[in-house]
């Protein structure tokens, strides 16, 4: 049997039941880690097994979640984007059967110059 989807399968919308795995993961995260900073959350029919938690403007909240989930720092992918103006952290792990993706974005601090101005 081919793993590729047929045209008919692509045209049939998913049901909410088919998103149960990431929704269950979100429910458990809320119960177990309700004291942590609230992320932006995303469950999508495009990636029906994935739950994304995203953090904007600070990396501190991402780090709090990473530590609470017991994920090693070396599992984090760190990149810069936007011409070096934005730092992006990401990691993907399994959590109760769902693909849990944590992402964070924050401004890269402007380098100091002799005149104290941002050269950008």
Protein backbone atom coordinates (compact mmCIF):
# COMPACT_ATOMS: atom_id res chain seq x y z
CA UNK A 1 0.00 0.00 0.00
CA UNK A 2 1.37 3.40 -0.95
CA UNK A 3 1.97 6.04 1.71
CA UNK A 4 1.02 8.76 -0.78
CA UNK A 5 -2.45 10.22 -0.40
CA UNK A 6 -4.95 9.88 -3.22
CA UNK A 7 -6.71 12.91 -4.68
CA UNK A 8 -9.90 11.78 -2.93
CA UNK A 9 -8.13 11.60 0.46
CA UNK A 10 -6.75 15.09 -0.04
CA UNK A 11 -10.22 16.46 -0.79
CA UNK A 12 -11.86 14.90 2.30
CA UNK A 13 -11.58 17.26 5.27
CA UNK A 14 -10.34 15.90 8.57
CA UNK A 15 -12.68 15.55 11.49
CA UNK A 16 -11.97 16.96 14.92
CA UNK A 17 -11.49 13.38 16.13
CA UNK A 18 -8.51 13.12 13.78
CA UNK A 19 -6.83 15.94 15.72
CA UNK A 20 -7.31 14.17 19.06
CA UNK A 21 -3.61 13.40 19.61
CA UNK A 22 -2.32 17.01 19.62
CA UNK A 23 -5.43 18.25 21.41
CA UNK A 24 -4.93 15.64 24.14
CA UNK A 25 -1.30 16.76 24.43
CA UNK A 26 -2.43 20.37 24.84
CA UNK A 27 -4.92 19.37 27.53
CA UNK A 28 -2.22 17.47 29.45
CA UNK A 29 0.28 20.32 29.10
CA UNK A 30 -2.32 22.74 30.48
CA UNK A 31 -2.98 20.44 33.43
CA UNK A 32 0.67 19.66 34.21
CA UNK A 33 2.30 22.99 33.33
CA UNK A 34 -0.44 25.55 33.89
CA UNK A 35 1.96 27.66 35.94
CA UNK A 36 4.23 28.28 32.91
CA UNK A 37 3.90 31.27 30.56
CA UNK A 38 1.06 30.87 28.07
CA UNK A 39 2.27 30.21 24.52
CA UNK A 40 0.56 30.83 21.22
CA UNK A 41 -0.80 27.41 20.28
CA UNK A 42 -1.39 25.85 16.89
CA UNK A 43 -3.05 22.62 15.82
CA UNK A 44 -3.41 22.26 12.09
CA UNK A 45 -5.10 19.91 9.66
CA UNK A 46 -1.96 20.22 7.54
CA UNK A 47 0.12 18.53 10.28
CA UNK A 48 -2.61 16.64 12.17
CA UNK A 49 -0.24 15.01 14.67
CA UNK A 50 1.62 18.22 15.59
CA UNK A 51 1.09 20.68 18.42
CA UNK A 52 3.08 23.90 18.15
CA UNK A 53 3.75 26.19 21.09
CA UNK A 54 5.30 29.48 20.04
CA UNK A 55 6.71 32.40 21.96
CA UNK A 56 7.32 35.87 20.58
CA UNK A 57 9.48 38.74 21.82
CA UNK A 58 11.39 36.74 24.45
CA UNK A 59 13.36 33.52 24.65
CA UNK A 60 12.87 33.23 28.41
CA UNK A 61 9.42 31.62 28.12
CA UNK A 62 10.72 29.06 25.61
CA UNK A 63 13.53 28.17 28.02
CA UNK A 64 11.08 27.76 30.91
CA UNK A 65 9.08 25.24 28.86
CA UNK A 66 12.20 23.45 27.63
CA UNK A 67 13.44 23.01 31.19
CA UNK A 68 10.03 21.94 32.51
CA UNK A 69 9.77 19.29 29.80
CA UNK A 70 13.27 18.03 30.62
CA UNK A 71 14.65 18.67 27.14
CA UNK A 72 18.42 19.09 26.91
CA UNK A 73 19.74 22.47 25.71
CA UNK A 74 21.64 20.78 22.89
CA UNK A 75 18.31 19.67 21.37
CA UNK A 76 17.54 23.32 20.54
CA UNK A 77 18.20 24.64 17.05
CA UNK A 78 19.25 28.30 17.20
CA UNK A 79 19.22 30.47 14.09
CA UNK A 80 19.12 34.08 13.07
CA UNK A 81 16.79 35.42 10.43
CA UNK A 82 15.69 38.75 9.05
CA UNK A 83 19.22 39.77 8.18
CA UNK A 84 20.44 38.89 11.66
CA UNK A 85 17.80 40.97 13.45
CA UNK A 86 15.75 38.07 14.85
CA UNK A 87 16.91 35.04 16.82
CA UNK A 88 14.79 31.90 16.38
CA UNK A 89 14.90 28.87 18.67
CA UNK A 90 13.13 25.62 17.85
CA UNK A 91 12.92 22.02 18.93
CA UNK A 92 10.70 19.07 18.21
CA UNK A 93 10.00 16.21 20.60
CA UNK A 94 7.42 13.53 21.22
CA UNK A 95 4.89 14.27 23.94
CA UNK A 96 2.18 11.68 24.67
CA UNK A 97 2.24 10.59 21.03
CA UNK A 98 2.05 14.08 19.53
CA UNK A 99 4.87 15.84 17.74
CA UNK A 100 5.42 18.79 20.08
CA UNK A 101 7.16 21.72 18.43
CA UNK A 102 8.42 24.62 20.53
CA UNK A 103 9.51 27.79 18.74
CA UNK A 104 10.54 31.23 19.95
CA UNK A 105 11.48 34.49 18.29
CA UNK A 106 13.18 37.54 19.77
CA UNK A 107 15.07 40.55 18.56
CA UNK A 108 18.83 40.20 18.49
CA UNK A 109 20.25 42.97 20.69
CA UNK A 110 21.75 45.74 18.61
CA UNK A 111 25.54 45.90 18.84
CA UNK A 112 26.90 48.86 20.68
CA UNK A 113 29.08 51.27 18.75
CA UNK A 114 31.50 53.92 19.89
CA UNK A 115 28.78 56.55 19.44
CA UNK A 116 26.24 54.33 21.24
CA UNK A 117 24.09 53.97 18.16
CA UNK A 118 22.78 50.92 16.35
CA UNK A 119 24.65 50.74 13.02
CA UNK A 120 21.72 49.00 11.32
